[in-house]
Amino acid sequence: MRINKYSILKISCALFFFLIVVEVSLRIAGFFYLKYHFPEIEDERYSAEDSPSFRIVFIGDSWTAGADADKGEGYANALIKIIKHSYPRYKIQGYNYAYPG
């Protein structure tokens, strides 16, 4: 069997489209999983004491620690602030255990 550049191109394109279909399928499945397994906190059956709590932990190197940013202004800390602002009724704790160097 002789393999030419067109058959390699066909195989590459088929693999690429297969990966796109898998990615889209996983994203759709994840959307529905989150929608039905984590109800909106705006629901009145939750009180302030019953609201779900989450801990977000960042572990990494200098980029995660905030290499060239001011202290507490790296992307991990900014992401924690955004999540807390987006979901005010959730009890969210964020930790950045990154170590530069």
Protein backbone atom coordinates (compact mmCIF):
# COMPACT_ATOMS: atom_id res chain seq x y z
CA MET A 1 0.00 0.00 0.00
CA ARG A 2 1.41 3.30 -1.08
CA ILE A 3 0.73 6.39 1.06
CA ASN A 4 0.80 9.69 -0.76
CA LYS A 5 0.37 13.22 0.52
CA TYR A 6 -3.35 13.29 -0.36
CA SER A 7 -4.18 10.27 1.76
CA ILE A 8 -2.29 11.81 4.69
CA LEU A 9 -4.25 15.02 4.16
CA LYS A 10 -7.55 13.08 4.11
CA ILE A 11 -6.66 11.26 7.33
CA SER A 12 -5.59 14.52 8.99
CA CYS A 13 -8.83 16.26 8.00
CA ALA A 14 -10.94 13.33 9.18
CA LEU A 15 -9.14 13.30 12.52
CA PHE A 16 -9.53 17.06 12.87
CA PHE A 17 -13.29 16.96 12.22
CA PHE A 18 -13.66 13.98 14.56
CA LEU A 19 -11.96 15.95 17.35
CA ILE A 20 -14.23 18.94 16.68
CA VAL A 21 -17.33 16.72 16.95
CA VAL A 22 -16.03 15.22 20.21
CA GLU A 23 -15.26 18.68 21.64
CA VAL A 24 -18.70 20.07 20.78
CA SER A 25 -20.39 16.97 22.19
CA LEU A 26 -18.49 17.27 25.48
CA ARG A 27 -19.33 20.95 25.79
CA ILE A 28 -23.03 20.30 25.22
CA ALA A 29 -23.02 17.41 27.71
CA GLY A 30 -21.20 19.59 30.26
CA PHE A 31 -23.74 22.37 29.82
CA PHE A 32 -26.67 20.09 30.56
CA TYR A 33 -24.84 18.36 33.42
CA LEU A 34 -24.18 21.69 35.14
CA LYS A 35 -27.67 22.97 34.44
CA TYR A 36 -29.42 20.01 36.07
CA HIS A 37 -26.95 19.08 38.81
CA PHE A 38 -26.25 22.57 40.16
CA PRO A 39 -29.52 24.48 40.41
CA GLU A 40 -29.47 28.24 40.35
CA ILE A 41 -28.88 29.72 43.76
CA GLU A 42 -31.66 32.25 43.12
CA ASP A 43 -34.05 29.42 43.93
CA GLU A 44 -35.92 30.24 47.13
CA ARG A 45 -35.41 26.81 48.66
CA TYR A 46 -31.87 27.85 49.62
CA SER A 47 -31.32 30.09 52.59
CA ALA A 48 -28.07 31.95 53.28
CA GLU A 49 -26.91 29.11 55.55
CA ASP A 50 -27.72 26.43 52.99
CA SER A 51 -25.98 28.04 50.04
CA PRO A 52 -23.37 25.77 48.45
CA SER A 53 -19.75 26.48 49.26
CA PHE A 54 -16.76 25.95 47.03
CA ARG A 55 -13.00 26.13 47.46
CA ILE A 56 -10.88 27.07 44.50
CA VAL A 57 -7.18 26.24 44.81
CA PHE A 58 -4.53 27.36 42.35
CA ILE A 59 -1.25 25.46 42.32
CA GLY A 60 1.47 26.31 39.87
CA ASP A 61 4.60 28.22 39.05
CA SER A 62 5.43 31.90 38.70
CA TRP A 63 2.72 32.52 36.09
CA THR A 64 0.05 31.30 38.47
CA ALA A 65 1.59 33.28 41.32
CA GLY A 66 1.44 36.44 39.19
CA ALA A 67 4.91 36.77 37.70
CA ASP A 68 5.02 40.45 36.76
CA ALA A 69 1.86 41.56 38.54
CA ASP A 70 1.56 43.39 41.84
CA LYS A 71 0.99 41.22 44.90
CA GLY A 72 -2.51 39.78 44.81
CA GLU A 73 -3.13 40.92 41.22
CA GLY A 74 -2.23 37.79 39.24
CA TYR A 75 -4.71 36.00 37.03
CA ALA A 76 -5.62 33.50 39.76
CA ASN A 77 -6.60 36.24 42.21
CA ALA A 78 -8.45 38.15 39.47
CA LEU A 79 -10.35 35.01 38.52
CA ILE A 80 -11.37 34.41 42.15
CA LYS A 81 -12.69 37.99 42.36
CA ILE A 82 -14.66 37.56 39.13
CA ILE A 83 -16.22 34.30 40.33
CA LYS A 84 -17.15 35.80 43.69
CA HIS A 85 -18.72 38.79 41.93
CA SER A 86 -20.60 36.60 39.42
CA TYR A 87 -22.02 34.26 42.07
CA PRO A 88 -22.60 36.40 45.17
CA ARG A 89 -24.80 33.91 47.02
CA TYR A 90 -22.29 31.07 46.83
CA LYS A 91 -19.75 30.75 49.61
CA ILE A 92 -16.53 30.80 47.59
CA GLN A 93 -13.07 30.60 49.07
CA GLY A 94 -10.08 31.08 46.83
CA TYR A 95 -6.49 30.11 47.55
CA ASN A 96 -3.40 30.76 45.47
CA TYR A 97 -0.67 28.33 46.53
CA ALA A 98 1.55 29.02 43.55
CA TYR A 99 5.28 29.18 44.11
CA PRO A 100 7.41 31.30 41.78
CA GLY A 101 10.76 29.97 40.72
